Amino acid sequence: MINGLTTIINQIFPTDLEDESIILNRYPKREIPETAMVTRIAPSPTGFVHLGSLYAALISERFAHQTNGIFILRIEDTDKKREVIGTANLFASTLEQYRLKIDEGLLANGQEKGNYGPYRQSERAEIYQSLAKKLLLKDQAYLCFASPEELETMRTKQEALGERSGYYNQFALWRNRSLDDINEALNKGLKPVIRLKSTGNFNNRIKINDLILGNRELPCNDQDIILIKADGLPTYHFAHAVDDHLMGTTHVIRGNEWFPSLPLHLELFQALGFKAPQYAHLAPIQKLADGKKRKLSKRHDPESNLEYFNVIGYPKEALIEYLLNLANSNFEDWRRTEANLGYQEFKLSWKKLAKSNGPLFDIKKLDNISKEIISRLDAQAIYQEVLSWAKSYKQDTLIKILESDPDYVLSILNIERAGAIKPRKDLSKWSELEHEINYFYAPVIAINQELLSNTLKQLNGVKPKDIIQDFLATYSLEDNQEIWFEKLKKVGLRYGFAPSLKEYKQAESKYKGQIGTIAQLLRLLLTGRQQSPNLAEIMRVLGEKRIKERLKVHF
C-alpha cells in the first residue's frame, strides 16, 4: 500500500472512527442453543407493507421461535431518496398487529429492544465506515470518483460490444488509478464512493446450498460493487453482510429475487473475515391473471397491500393461517386435526416451501380459512372485533347498530353459535356483518317479488295468511328447534303438506307440497332472504312484536 494512499484513506474518515476490534467486542457472539435460529426481517421504509413482506416475516419468525431462537426487525433505511417518512414504524406496528413477536429491533412505539442495535441502518453509519476503511487499508476496496456521465458512457459501450453490464474488469474505471488521479479528484472537491475490489472470476462457478432451493451453482461475482455511497451510507449489499454478522443472524430468509446476488454476498462475508449465515430464498406469492401466473404486483394488485385486508376486515389470524397454508401445504391437514391448538404449535418445514413456482394467491381460500376462524369465536369476541374494526375505519352506521343495543346484537351473533356442535360459517370478514344482520333492524323487509311469487305458487291454492295465522296461534318464543319444527309440521299436515321432502317424493299425489315450502315462506317474509341461519332461532331473537309486524305487512 502506498503511504500517500494510506494517508488519504485516514483523512477521508472521521478521526474518532472506532477500530474494528472495538466494534466486534460490542457485538459478542450470542449464547444460544446450537439449534436455535436467529432470523430477521429487514424491510426498507419505502411505502406500504407488502403481503410478501408479511409472508417472509411470518416464516422468519416461525423458524426462529419454533427453535427457541431470536427474531429481529431491522430497518434498512440507507436509501434516503426513496424513504417514505413514518413507514419504518408501520412495519413494527404491522408485526405487532399480526402478533409476530419481535425479540429485538424497532418496536411499534418507536423504541428499540435488544443489545445488538442500533436497529436502523442509518444510525450505524460509523460501523460500516470503519469496516470499509479496513477493506481499503487491506487493498480489498478502493476509492472511485466515476461520474454519472462516465458510468452511462461505459454502459453504452458495454451494450455496443455485447458485454455484460456492470462495473468489473476493464470496465472498472477507477480500480487501478494512480495516486495523482485520486489527489486530483479530491482537490476538485469530488466525493468518492468506496468499491469492493472483487477477486472473483465470472467464468468460474460457485456451489451453493440453499435451504429451499437445494444445491445450485452460480457464476462467481466479479463486480466491484459500491460498499459506501458518496453520502457516507452503505449499500444494501454491504450493510446486510455487516449487520447479519454483528447481530448474529444464523439464517437469512428472503425473496428469491436476491438469489443471483448470493455469490456477491458470500464474497463480502469472506472479504470481511466473517462466517456467512445460511440462506433460504423464498419463491414469491403469485396471482393468476389472464390465465397466466405472475408475481403479485405492487402497482396492479390491491391485495399486495396489507391495508387492503385491514380495510375489508379480515381477522389478522385468518391471514396468518392462510400464509402458513401457502408456506407449507400440510398446514391445512394439521389444522383439520388440531382445531383447538394455536397456529404457533404447527412446525414449518424447509422441504415443503415452494422451490421455484411461488404459491398462488386465492381469495376464496382465504375466505374459507377466515370463516373457520370466525366460527371458533364466541359472540362477545366477534362483537368486540367488529366494533374495533368499525371504529378504525369509521363505519358509522355499523357502530350505531352495535352500540345502540349490545345485548340484542349478541343474541343475533349467538344464533347457531352458542353451544352449537357445528357453529355457523357465514362471516369471512368484519365488513360483512352489517349485511348479515340488517334484516334484524329493518322496519320493513324488502322481498324479492319473483322469489315470493314462486313460493306462493308452490302452496297450490292454500292461502298463505291461513297457514301463517294457524302457525302463530301455537308458536311460542320459548320453543326450541325441535318443538318449533313439530308445530310447523302439524300445521303443514292440516293443509296437506308432507312433513318432509322424502315423504313428499314417495307420494306426491297425496300432498299439495312439502313442509320446506312453508318454512321458506316464513323465511322470506321475516328476513327477505332465501337462505338464513336457523329460522327458529331467528324468530326467537326477533321477538313476538317484530314477527307480527312483518307478517302483518304482507297479509
Protein backbone atom coordinates (compact mmCIF):
# COMPACT_ATOMS: atom_id res chain seq x y z
CA MET A 1 0.00 0.00 0.00
CA ILE A 2 1.39 3.42 -0.97
CA ASN A 3 1.89 5.61 2.09
CA GLY A 4 0.24 8.52 0.36
CA LEU A 5 -2.92 6.49 -0.23
CA THR A 6 -2.95 5.35 3.41
CA THR A 7 -2.82 8.99 4.46
CA ILE A 8 -5.70 9.83 2.13
CA ILE A 9 -7.78 6.93 3.47
CA ASN A 10 -7.21 8.08 7.04
CA GLN A 11 -8.16 11.64 6.13
CA ILE A 12 -11.48 10.89 4.44
CA PHE A 13 -12.87 9.14 7.52
CA PRO A 14 -13.73 10.76 10.90
CA THR A 15 -10.73 10.85 13.23
CA ASP A 16 -12.72 9.26 16.06
CA LEU A 17 -13.85 6.29 13.97
CA GLU A 18 -13.78 3.17 16.13
CA ASP A 19 -11.44 0.34 15.29
CA GLU A 20 -12.93 -2.95 14.11
CA SER A 21 -11.85 -4.75 17.30
CA ILE A 22 -13.84 -2.33 19.47
CA ILE A 23 -16.92 -2.83 17.30
CA LEU A 24 -16.65 -6.61 17.42
CA ASN A 25 -16.33 -6.55 21.20
CA ARG A 26 -19.56 -4.57 21.38
CA TYR A 27 -21.37 -7.34 19.50
CA PRO A 28 -20.36 -10.56 21.25
CA LYS A 29 -21.35 -13.96 19.97
CA ARG A 30 -24.81 -14.89 21.17
CA GLU A 31 -25.11 -17.52 23.87
CA ILE A 32 -27.96 -19.57 22.44
CA PRO A 33 -28.51 -23.29 21.82
CA GLU A 34 -26.75 -24.63 18.74
CA THR A 35 -30.05 -25.47 17.07
CA ALA A 36 -31.62 -22.06 17.74
CA MET A 37 -32.09 -19.83 14.71
CA VAL A 38 -31.56 -16.09 14.68
CA THR A 39 -33.62 -14.68 11.83
CA ARG A 40 -34.54 -11.17 10.78
CA ILE A 41 -36.89 -9.22 8.60
CA ALA A 42 -35.14 -6.17 7.16
CA PRO A 43 -37.61 -4.00 5.22
CA SER A 44 -36.82 -0.71 3.52
CA PRO A 45 -39.26 2.02 4.60
CA THR A 46 -40.24 2.99 1.07
CA GLY A 47 -44.03 2.56 1.19
CA PHE A 48 -46.80 0.23 2.30
CA VAL A 49 -46.30 -3.22 3.80
CA HIS A 50 -46.49 -5.81 1.02
CA LEU A 51 -48.25 -9.13 1.55
CA GLY A 52 -44.98 -10.80 0.54
CA SER A 53 -43.18 -8.94 3.34
CA LEU A 54 -45.59 -10.34 5.92
CA TYR A 55 -45.14 -13.78 4.33
CA ALA A 56 -41.34 -13.60 4.70
CA ALA A 57 -41.65 -12.13 8.21
CA LEU A 58 -44.00 -14.92 9.30
CA ILE A 59 -41.70 -17.65 8.01
CA SER A 60 -38.67 -15.99 9.62
CA GLU A 61 -40.50 -15.52 12.93
CA ARG A 62 -41.82 -19.08 12.96
CA PHE A 63 -38.42 -20.69 12.28
CA ALA A 64 -36.84 -18.54 14.98
CA HIS A 65 -39.43 -19.24 17.65
CA GLN A 66 -40.01 -22.92 16.89
CA THR A 67 -36.27 -23.41 17.52
CA ASN A 68 -36.27 -21.20 20.65
CA GLY A 69 -34.29 -18.62 18.73
CA ILE A 70 -34.49 -14.87 18.14
CA PHE A 71 -36.47 -12.82 15.61
CA ILE A 72 -35.18 -9.36 14.73
CA LEU A 73 -36.79 -6.39 12.99
CA ARG A 74 -34.06 -4.31 11.36
CA ILE A 75 -34.87 -1.24 9.26
CA GLU A 76 -32.73 -0.83 6.14
CA ASP A 77 -33.18 2.91 5.69
CA THR A 78 -29.99 3.92 3.91
CA ASP A 79 -31.75 4.80 0.64
CA LYS A 80 -32.85 8.25 1.73
CA LYS A 81 -34.13 9.23 -1.71
CA ARG A 82 -36.81 6.50 -1.65
CA GLU A 83 -37.64 6.57 2.06
CA VAL A 84 -41.23 7.41 3.00
CA ILE A 85 -41.32 9.04 6.42
CA GLY A 86 -43.26 7.04 9.01
CA THR A 87 -43.19 3.69 7.26
CA ALA A 88 -40.42 2.31 9.49
CA ASN A 89 -42.84 2.31 12.43
CA LEU A 90 -45.52 0.93 10.11
CA PHE A 91 -43.56 -2.32 9.77
CA ALA A 92 -43.18 -2.61 13.53
CA SER A 93 -46.85 -1.89 14.22
CA THR A 94 -47.89 -4.34 11.49
CA LEU A 95 -45.88 -7.18 13.04
CA GLU A 96 -47.39 -6.30 16.41
CA GLN A 97 -50.95 -6.28 15.00
CA TYR A 98 -50.38 -9.70 13.45
CA ARG A 99 -48.91 -10.94 16.74
CA LEU A 100 -45.47 -11.71 15.35
CA LYS A 101 -43.28 -11.24 18.38
CA ILE A 102 -40.24 -9.02 17.82
CA ASP A 103 -37.47 -10.18 20.15
CA GLU A 104 -35.09 -7.44 19.07
CA GLY A 105 -35.28 -4.35 16.93
CA LEU A 106 -37.65 -1.49 16.31
CA LEU A 107 -40.93 -1.65 18.22
CA ALA A 108 -44.31 -0.14 17.34
CA ASN A 109 -43.84 2.65 19.90
CA GLY A 110 -40.69 3.82 18.10
CA GLN A 111 -38.37 2.47 20.79
CA GLU A 112 -35.75 -0.23 20.26
CA LYS A 113 -35.33 -3.50 22.11
CA GLY A 114 -32.13 -5.55 22.25
CA ASN A 115 -28.38 -5.30 22.82
CA TYR A 116 -27.26 -5.55 19.18
CA GLY A 117 -28.55 -2.20 17.91
CA PRO A 118 -28.99 0.37 16.70
CA TYR A 119 -31.52 -1.43 14.52
CA ARG A 120 -31.88 1.37 11.98
CA GLN A 121 -29.05 1.19 9.46
CA SER A 122 -28.92 4.97 9.12
CA GLU A 123 -27.79 5.08 12.76
CA ARG A 124 -24.96 2.59 12.14
CA ALA A 125 -23.04 4.62 9.53
CA GLU A 126 -19.78 4.70 11.50
CA ILE A 127 -19.79 0.91 11.85
CA TYR A 128 -19.95 0.47 8.08
CA GLN A 129 -17.37 3.17 7.51
CA SER A 130 -14.96 1.55 9.94
CA LEU A 131 -15.20 -1.83 8.22
CA ALA A 132 -14.98 -0.24 4.77
CA LYS A 133 -11.85 1.58 5.90
CA LYS A 134 -10.37 -1.75 6.95
CA LEU A 135 -11.01 -3.14 3.44
CA LEU A 136 -9.40 -0.06 1.87
CA LEU A 137 -6.28 -0.40 4.00
CA LYS A 138 -6.04 -4.11 3.09
CA ASP A 139 -6.38 -3.26 -0.63
CA GLN A 140 -9.70 -5.15 -0.78
CA ALA A 141 -11.57 -1.98 -1.72
CA TYR A 142 -10.77 1.31 -3.46
CA LEU A 143 -11.95 4.87 -3.96
CA CYS A 144 -13.98 5.60 -7.07
CA PHE A 145 -14.80 9.05 -8.46
CA ALA A 146 -16.60 7.97 -11.64
CA SER A 147 -19.26 10.49 -12.62
CA PRO A 148 -22.81 9.55 -13.70
CA GLU A 149 -21.88 10.60 -17.24
CA GLU A 150 -18.83 8.31 -17.27
CA LEU A 151 -20.90 5.41 -15.98
CA GLU A 152 -23.54 5.99 -18.65
CA THR A 153 -20.86 6.10 -21.37
CA MET A 154 -19.47 2.83 -20.01
CA ARG A 155 -22.91 1.18 -20.13
CA THR A 156 -23.41 2.32 -23.70
CA LYS A 157 -20.01 0.87 -24.67
CA GLN A 158 -20.83 -2.44 -22.99
CA GLU A 159 -24.11 -2.66 -24.84
CA ALA A 160 -22.38 -1.91 -28.17
CA LEU A 161 -19.77 -4.60 -27.52
CA GLY A 162 -22.37 -7.13 -26.38
CA GLU A 163 -20.75 -7.32 -22.95
CA ARG A 164 -22.38 -7.82 -19.57
CA SER A 165 -23.37 -4.61 -17.87
CA GLY A 166 -21.69 -3.64 -14.63
CA TYR A 167 -18.51 -2.32 -13.08
CA TYR A 168 -15.87 -5.07 -13.47
CA ASN A 169 -12.52 -5.94 -15.03
CA GLN A 170 -11.59 -3.46 -17.80
CA PHE A 171 -14.82 -1.54 -17.11
CA ALA A 172 -13.81 -0.80 -13.53
CA LEU A 173 -12.76 2.78 -14.33
CA TRP A 174 -11.03 3.59 -11.02
CA ARG A 175 -9.77 0.18 -9.94
CA ASN A 176 -6.15 0.86 -10.87
CA ARG A 177 -5.99 4.66 -10.98
CA SER A 178 -2.86 6.41 -9.80
CA LEU A 179 -2.37 8.33 -6.59
CA ASP A 180 -2.11 11.51 -8.66
CA ASP A 181 -5.57 10.87 -10.17
CA ILE A 182 -7.04 10.34 -6.69
CA ASN A 183 -5.44 13.53 -5.35
CA GLU A 184 -6.63 15.49 -8.36
CA ALA A 185 -10.21 14.30 -7.85
CA LEU A 186 -10.09 15.18 -4.16
CA ASN A 187 -8.65 18.63 -4.93
CA LYS A 188 -11.64 19.24 -7.22
CA GLY A 189 -13.91 18.60 -4.26
CA LEU A 190 -15.25 15.34 -5.64
CA LYS A 191 -16.62 12.85 -3.11
CA PRO A 192 -15.67 9.21 -3.71
CA VAL A 193 -17.68 6.07 -3.30
CA ILE A 194 -15.93 3.02 -1.90
CA ARG A 195 -16.00 -0.06 -4.11
CA LEU A 196 -15.18 -3.69 -3.42
CA LYS A 197 -12.10 -4.94 -5.25
CA SER A 198 -13.60 -8.23 -6.31
CA THR A 199 -11.33 -11.26 -6.64
CA GLY A 200 -13.92 -13.32 -8.45
CA ASN A 201 -13.89 -14.69 -11.98
CA PHE A 202 -17.29 -14.72 -13.69
CA ASN A 203 -16.27 -17.75 -15.76
CA ASN A 204 -15.88 -19.84 -12.60
CA ARG A 205 -18.81 -21.34 -10.72
CA ILE A 206 -19.61 -21.28 -7.03
CA LYS A 207 -21.51 -24.12 -5.35
CA ILE A 208 -24.36 -23.01 -3.14
CA ASN A 209 -26.55 -24.95 -0.74
CA ASP A 210 -29.79 -23.04 -0.30
CA LEU A 211 -32.15 -24.33 2.38
CA ILE A 212 -35.10 -24.08 0.00
CA LEU A 213 -33.63 -24.30 -3.49
CA GLY A 214 -31.12 -27.00 -2.58
CA ASN A 215 -27.72 -27.43 -4.23
CA ARG A 216 -27.15 -24.95 -7.03
CA GLU A 217 -24.27 -23.39 -8.95
CA LEU A 218 -23.93 -19.73 -9.89
CA PRO A 219 -21.21 -17.69 -11.62
CA CYS A 220 -18.71 -16.17 -9.23
CA ASN A 221 -19.04 -12.46 -8.61
CA ASP A 222 -16.62 -10.14 -10.37
CA GLN A 223 -18.49 -6.88 -9.88
CA ASP A 224 -16.72 -4.10 -7.97
CA ILE A 225 -19.95 -3.05 -6.31
CA ILE A 226 -20.28 0.09 -4.20
CA LEU A 227 -19.87 -0.53 -0.48
CA ILE A 228 -20.22 3.04 0.79
CA LYS A 229 -22.03 5.73 -1.19
CA ALA A 230 -20.82 9.32 -1.52
CA ASP A 231 -23.18 10.34 1.30
CA GLY A 232 -21.32 8.03 3.69
CA LEU A 233 -24.14 5.48 3.92
CA PRO A 234 -23.76 1.86 2.82
CA THR A 235 -25.47 -0.02 0.04
CA TYR A 236 -27.79 -2.90 0.91
CA HIS A 237 -25.14 -5.43 -0.11
CA PHE A 238 -22.51 -4.18 2.32
CA ALA A 239 -24.80 -3.27 5.19
CA HIS A 240 -26.56 -6.61 5.27
CA ALA A 241 -23.27 -8.52 5.44
CA VAL A 242 -22.00 -6.33 8.28
CA ASP A 243 -25.26 -6.35 10.23
CA ASP A 244 -26.06 -10.03 9.84
CA HIS A 245 -22.65 -10.88 11.24
CA LEU A 246 -22.71 -8.40 14.12
CA MET A 247 -26.30 -9.26 15.06
CA GLY A 248 -25.55 -12.98 14.95
CA THR A 249 -28.04 -13.83 12.20
CA THR A 250 -27.87 -17.56 11.53
CA HIS A 251 -30.45 -17.79 8.73
CA VAL A 252 -31.29 -15.18 6.09
CA ILE A 253 -34.77 -15.82 4.68
CA ARG A 254 -35.61 -13.53 1.78
CA GLY A 255 -37.21 -13.36 -1.67
CA ASN A 256 -35.61 -15.36 -4.46
CA GLU A 257 -35.03 -12.18 -6.48
CA TRP A 258 -31.90 -11.89 -4.32
CA PHE A 259 -30.63 -15.36 -5.21
CA PRO A 260 -28.44 -14.17 -8.15
CA SER A 261 -26.71 -11.76 -5.72
CA LEU A 262 -25.67 -14.56 -3.38
CA PRO A 263 -22.14 -15.02 -4.84
CA LEU A 264 -21.52 -11.31 -4.23
CA HIS A 265 -22.79 -11.52 -0.66
CA LEU A 266 -20.70 -14.58 0.10
CA GLU A 267 -17.65 -12.77 -1.28
CA LEU A 268 -18.39 -9.82 1.04
CA PHE A 269 -18.51 -12.09 4.08
CA GLN A 270 -15.21 -13.65 3.01
CA ALA A 271 -13.57 -10.26 2.46
CA LEU A 272 -14.68 -9.09 5.90
CA GLY A 273 -13.43 -12.28 7.51
CA PHE A 274 -16.92 -13.23 8.71
CA LYS A 275 -18.73 -16.56 8.59
CA ALA A 276 -21.73 -16.33 6.28
CA PRO A 277 -25.19 -17.29 7.57
CA GLN A 278 -27.29 -19.93 5.88
CA TYR A 279 -29.57 -18.64 3.14
CA ALA A 280 -33.12 -19.58 2.16
CA HIS A 281 -34.70 -17.91 -0.86
CA LEU A 282 -38.49 -17.81 -0.97
CA ALA A 283 -40.50 -18.07 -4.17
CA PRO A 284 -42.81 -15.02 -4.39
CA ILE A 285 -46.58 -15.19 -3.96
CA GLN A 286 -48.19 -15.29 -7.38
CA LYS A 287 -51.54 -14.39 -8.89
CA LEU A 288 -53.48 -15.84 -11.79
CA ALA A 289 -54.18 -13.07 -14.31
CA ASP A 290 -55.50 -13.63 -17.84
CA GLY A 291 -54.86 -17.34 -17.42
CA LYS A 292 -51.19 -16.84 -16.54
CA LYS A 293 -49.31 -16.83 -13.26
CA ARG A 294 -47.34 -13.76 -12.35
CA LYS A 295 -45.80 -12.22 -9.27
CA LEU A 296 -48.19 -10.24 -7.06
CA SER A 297 -47.67 -6.65 -8.19
CA LYS A 298 -47.45 -3.54 -6.01
CA ARG A 299 -48.70 -1.44 -8.89
CA HIS A 300 -51.54 -3.56 -10.25
CA ASP A 301 -52.84 -5.74 -7.41
CA PRO A 302 -54.61 -4.09 -4.45
CA GLU A 303 -54.25 -7.30 -2.46
CA SER A 304 -50.48 -6.85 -2.48
CA ASN A 305 -51.01 -4.11 0.14
CA LEU A 306 -51.78 -5.40 3.63
CA GLU A 307 -54.07 -2.44 4.19
CA TYR A 308 -56.42 -3.98 1.62
CA PHE A 309 -57.16 -6.83 4.05
CA ASN A 310 -57.44 -4.46 7.02
CA VAL A 311 -59.98 -2.21 5.28
CA ILE A 312 -62.16 -5.16 4.31
CA GLY A 313 -61.88 -6.52 7.82
CA TYR A 314 -60.21 -9.91 7.64
CA PRO A 315 -59.21 -11.19 11.09
CA LYS A 316 -55.44 -10.95 11.44
CA GLU A 317 -55.22 -14.62 12.41
CA ALA A 318 -57.02 -15.61 9.20
CA LEU A 319 -54.37 -14.01 7.02
CA ILE A 320 -51.60 -15.57 9.12
CA GLU A 321 -53.11 -19.05 8.82
CA TYR A 322 -53.66 -18.52 5.11
CA LEU A 323 -49.99 -17.60 4.65
CA LEU A 324 -48.94 -20.66 6.66
CA ASN A 325 -51.06 -22.71 4.27
CA LEU A 326 -49.18 -21.13 1.34
CA ALA A 327 -45.84 -21.82 3.04
CA ASN A 328 -46.49 -25.48 3.91
CA SER A 329 -49.40 -27.22 2.20
CA ASN A 330 -49.77 -29.72 5.06
CA PHE A 331 -50.88 -26.91 7.38
CA GLU A 332 -54.48 -27.42 6.23
CA ASP A 333 -54.48 -31.10 7.25
CA TRP A 334 -52.81 -30.19 10.55
CA ARG A 335 -55.44 -27.56 11.29
CA ARG A 336 -58.23 -30.00 10.49
CA THR A 337 -56.97 -32.45 13.14
CA GLU A 338 -55.74 -29.83 15.64
CA ALA A 339 -58.64 -27.38 15.60
CA ASN A 340 -58.10 -26.28 19.20
CA LEU A 341 -54.38 -25.53 19.01
CA GLY A 342 -52.85 -22.16 18.23
CA TYR A 343 -51.11 -21.97 14.85
CA GLN A 344 -47.85 -21.49 16.74
CA GLU A 345 -47.89 -25.22 17.50
CA PHE A 346 -47.50 -26.04 13.81
CA LYS A 347 -43.90 -26.75 12.77
CA LEU A 348 -42.77 -25.23 9.49
CA SER A 349 -40.63 -27.36 7.22
CA TRP A 350 -37.94 -26.17 4.78
CA LYS A 351 -38.69 -29.09 2.47
CA LYS A 352 -42.32 -28.10 1.97
CA LEU A 353 -41.59 -24.49 1.00
CA ALA A 354 -42.06 -23.86 -2.73
CA LYS A 355 -38.76 -24.10 -4.62
CA SER A 356 -39.41 -22.26 -7.88
CA ASN A 357 -43.07 -21.66 -8.67
CA GLY A 358 -44.40 -19.45 -5.93
CA PRO A 359 -47.68 -20.20 -4.12
CA LEU A 360 -50.81 -18.93 -5.86
CA PHE A 361 -52.90 -16.32 -4.06
CA ASP A 362 -56.54 -17.44 -3.80
CA ILE A 363 -59.03 -15.08 -2.15
CA LYS A 364 -61.68 -17.85 -1.93
CA LYS A 365 -59.28 -19.99 0.06
CA LEU A 366 -58.61 -17.07 2.38
CA ASP A 367 -62.37 -16.60 2.82
CA ASN A 368 -62.81 -20.25 3.78
CA ILE A 369 -60.00 -20.12 6.31
CA SER A 370 -61.39 -16.88 7.71
CA LYS A 371 -64.87 -18.41 8.09
CA GLU A 372 -63.37 -21.32 10.03
CA ILE A 373 -61.52 -18.97 12.37
CA ILE A 374 -64.52 -16.70 12.98
CA SER A 375 -66.71 -19.77 13.61
CA ARG A 376 -64.44 -20.66 16.54
CA LEU A 377 -65.06 -17.29 18.22
CA ASP A 378 -67.89 -16.66 20.67
CA ALA A 379 -70.41 -13.87 20.17
CA GLN A 380 -68.68 -11.49 22.57
CA ALA A 381 -65.33 -11.85 20.81
CA ILE A 382 -66.93 -11.24 17.40
CA TYR A 383 -68.78 -8.21 18.77
CA GLN A 384 -65.56 -6.65 20.10
CA GLU A 385 -63.60 -7.40 16.93
CA VAL A 386 -66.26 -5.90 14.66
CA LEU A 387 -66.71 -2.84 16.86
CA SER A 388 -62.95 -2.24 16.93
CA TRP A 389 -62.76 -2.61 13.14
CA ALA A 390 -65.78 -0.34 12.59
CA LYS A 391 -64.25 2.39 14.73
CA SER A 392 -60.89 2.09 12.97
CA TYR A 393 -62.50 2.56 9.57
CA LYS A 394 -65.30 4.97 10.56
CA GLN A 395 -68.20 2.67 9.73
CA ASP A 396 -70.71 4.95 11.45
CA THR A 397 -73.88 3.02 10.59
CA LEU A 398 -72.42 -0.22 11.90
CA ILE A 399 -71.09 1.48 15.04
CA LYS A 400 -74.59 2.83 15.75
CA ILE A 401 -76.09 -0.64 15.33
CA LEU A 402 -73.53 -2.27 17.60
CA GLU A 403 -73.63 0.32 20.37
CA SER A 404 -77.39 1.03 20.43
CA ASP A 405 -78.29 -2.35 21.93
CA PRO A 406 -75.28 -4.65 22.54
CA ASP A 407 -77.40 -7.39 24.11
CA TYR A 408 -79.60 -7.61 21.03
CA VAL A 409 -76.52 -7.83 18.79
CA LEU A 410 -75.07 -10.57 20.98
CA SER A 411 -78.30 -12.56 20.76
CA ILE A 412 -78.11 -12.29 16.95
CA LEU A 413 -74.48 -13.38 16.91
CA ASN A 414 -75.28 -16.34 19.17
CA ILE A 415 -77.66 -17.84 16.60
CA GLU A 416 -76.17 -21.21 15.60
CA ARG A 417 -73.11 -20.36 17.67
CA ALA A 418 -73.64 -20.69 21.42
CA GLY A 419 -73.43 -24.40 22.23
CA ALA A 420 -73.58 -25.40 18.57
CA ILE A 421 -71.67 -28.54 17.55
CA LYS A 422 -71.09 -27.01 14.13
CA PRO A 423 -71.10 -23.21 14.52
CA ARG A 424 -72.30 -21.13 11.60
CA LYS A 425 -69.75 -20.10 8.98
CA ASP A 426 -71.38 -17.19 7.22
CA LEU A 427 -68.82 -14.49 8.04
CA SER A 428 -65.43 -14.27 6.38
CA LYS A 429 -64.67 -10.62 7.24
CA TRP A 430 -65.96 -7.97 9.60
CA SER A 431 -67.29 -5.79 6.78
CA GLU A 432 -69.90 -8.47 6.02
CA LEU A 433 -71.62 -8.30 9.39
CA GLU A 434 -73.82 -5.29 8.66
CA HIS A 435 -75.34 -7.00 5.63
CA GLU A 436 -75.71 -10.29 7.52
CA ILE A 437 -77.74 -8.77 10.37
CA ASN A 438 -79.51 -5.77 8.84
CA TYR A 439 -82.81 -7.64 8.49
CA PHE A 440 -82.99 -7.79 12.28
CA TYR A 441 -83.30 -4.00 12.29
CA ALA A 442 -85.23 -3.11 9.13
CA PRO A 443 -88.75 -1.76 9.90
CA VAL A 444 -89.93 -3.15 6.55
CA ILE A 445 -88.39 -6.16 4.86
CA ALA A 446 -87.69 -5.83 1.16
CA ILE A 447 -88.61 -9.07 -0.55
CA ASN A 448 -87.72 -10.25 -4.00
CA GLN A 449 -91.15 -10.46 -5.57
CA GLU A 450 -90.15 -13.15 -8.02
CA LEU A 451 -88.98 -15.40 -5.17
CA LEU A 452 -92.12 -14.69 -3.21
CA SER A 453 -94.35 -15.38 -6.23
CA ASN A 454 -92.62 -18.72 -6.89
CA THR A 455 -93.03 -19.72 -3.25
CA LEU A 456 -96.71 -18.79 -3.21
CA LYS A 457 -97.29 -20.88 -6.35
CA GLN A 458 -95.90 -23.90 -4.51
CA LEU A 459 -98.70 -23.54 -1.94
CA ASN A 460 -101.03 -24.81 -4.69
CA GLY A 461 -104.04 -22.71 -3.77
CA VAL A 462 -103.66 -22.69 0.01
CA LYS A 463 -103.95 -19.17 1.37
CA PRO A 464 -100.65 -18.11 2.96
CA LYS A 465 -102.49 -16.00 5.53
CA ASP A 466 -104.32 -19.05 6.85
CA ILE A 467 -101.13 -21.08 7.24
CA ILE A 468 -99.26 -18.24 8.98
CA GLN A 469 -102.11 -17.41 11.38
CA ASP A 470 -102.55 -21.09 12.22
CA PHE A 471 -98.83 -21.47 12.98
CA LEU A 472 -98.65 -18.29 15.07
CA ALA A 473 -101.60 -19.46 17.14
CA THR A 474 -99.48 -22.23 18.66
CA TYR A 475 -95.99 -20.66 18.33
CA SER A 476 -94.09 -19.64 21.46
CA LEU A 477 -90.78 -17.79 21.78
CA GLU A 478 -89.77 -20.47 24.27
CA ASP A 479 -89.96 -23.21 21.64
CA ASN A 480 -86.67 -24.91 20.88
CA GLN A 481 -85.81 -26.03 17.37
CA GLU A 482 -87.39 -29.46 17.78
CA ILE A 483 -90.70 -28.17 19.18
CA TRP A 484 -90.77 -25.32 16.64
CA PHE A 485 -90.43 -27.74 13.74
CA GLU A 486 -93.00 -30.20 15.13
CA LYS A 487 -95.56 -27.38 15.36
CA LEU A 488 -94.74 -26.30 11.80
CA LYS A 489 -95.18 -29.87 10.51
CA LYS A 490 -98.57 -30.22 12.24
CA VAL A 491 -99.77 -27.03 10.60
CA GLY A 492 -98.45 -28.26 7.27
CA LEU A 493 -100.24 -31.58 7.57
CA ARG A 494 -103.57 -29.81 8.27
CA TYR A 495 -103.17 -28.03 4.93
CA GLY A 496 -101.94 -31.08 3.03
CA PHE A 497 -98.18 -30.62 3.12
CA ALA A 498 -95.83 -33.58 3.61
CA PRO A 499 -93.68 -33.35 6.80
CA SER A 500 -90.52 -33.99 4.77
CA LEU A 501 -89.25 -33.82 1.22
CA LYS A 502 -88.64 -37.58 1.28
CA GLU A 503 -92.26 -38.35 2.16
CA TYR A 504 -93.49 -35.93 -0.47
CA LYS A 505 -91.45 -37.61 -3.21
CA GLN A 506 -92.75 -41.01 -2.16
CA ALA A 507 -96.40 -39.93 -2.61
CA GLU A 508 -96.63 -36.64 -4.49
CA SER A 509 -100.26 -37.15 -5.44
CA LYS A 510 -101.20 -37.37 -1.77
CA TYR A 511 -99.86 -33.89 -0.84
CA LYS A 512 -100.13 -30.30 -2.03
CA GLY A 513 -96.44 -29.82 -1.35
CA GLN A 514 -93.80 -30.32 1.36
CA ILE A 515 -93.05 -28.55 4.63
CA GLY A 516 -89.96 -26.81 3.28
CA THR A 517 -92.21 -24.53 1.22
CA ILE A 518 -93.94 -23.23 4.36
CA ALA A 519 -90.59 -22.71 6.10
CA GLN A 520 -89.32 -20.87 3.03
CA LEU A 521 -92.38 -18.62 3.06
CA LEU A 522 -91.75 -17.68 6.68
CA ARG A 523 -88.07 -17.08 5.94
CA LEU A 524 -88.82 -14.75 3.04
CA LEU A 525 -91.41 -12.76 4.99
CA LEU A 526 -89.28 -12.42 8.12
CA THR A 527 -85.82 -11.94 6.63
CA GLY A 528 -86.29 -11.16 2.95
CA ARG A 529 -83.77 -13.88 2.17
CA GLN A 530 -83.77 -17.23 0.50
CA GLN A 531 -81.10 -18.52 2.90
CA SER A 532 -80.51 -17.70 6.55
CA PRO A 533 -79.32 -19.24 9.80
CA ASN A 534 -81.72 -21.36 11.84
CA LEU A 535 -85.17 -19.83 11.38
CA ALA A 536 -86.45 -20.90 14.82
CA GLU A 537 -83.58 -19.06 16.48
CA ILE A 538 -84.08 -16.02 14.23
CA MET A 539 -87.73 -15.81 15.30
CA ARG A 540 -86.81 -16.12 18.97
CA VAL A 541 -84.35 -13.22 18.64
CA LEU A 542 -86.74 -11.07 16.57
CA GLY A 543 -89.40 -11.37 19.24
CA GLU A 544 -93.18 -11.52 19.03
CA LYS A 545 -93.69 -7.85 18.18
CA ARG A 546 -91.31 -7.81 15.19
CA ILE A 547 -92.63 -11.14 13.91
CA LYS A 548 -96.27 -9.97 13.90
CA GLU A 549 -95.38 -6.60 12.40
CA ARG A 550 -93.51 -8.19 9.50
CA LEU A 551 -96.13 -10.78 8.75
CA LYS A 552 -98.96 -8.25 9.06
CA VAL A 553 -97.40 -6.05 6.37
CA HIS A 554 -97.92 -8.78 3.78
CA PHE A 555 -101.22 -10.34 4.86
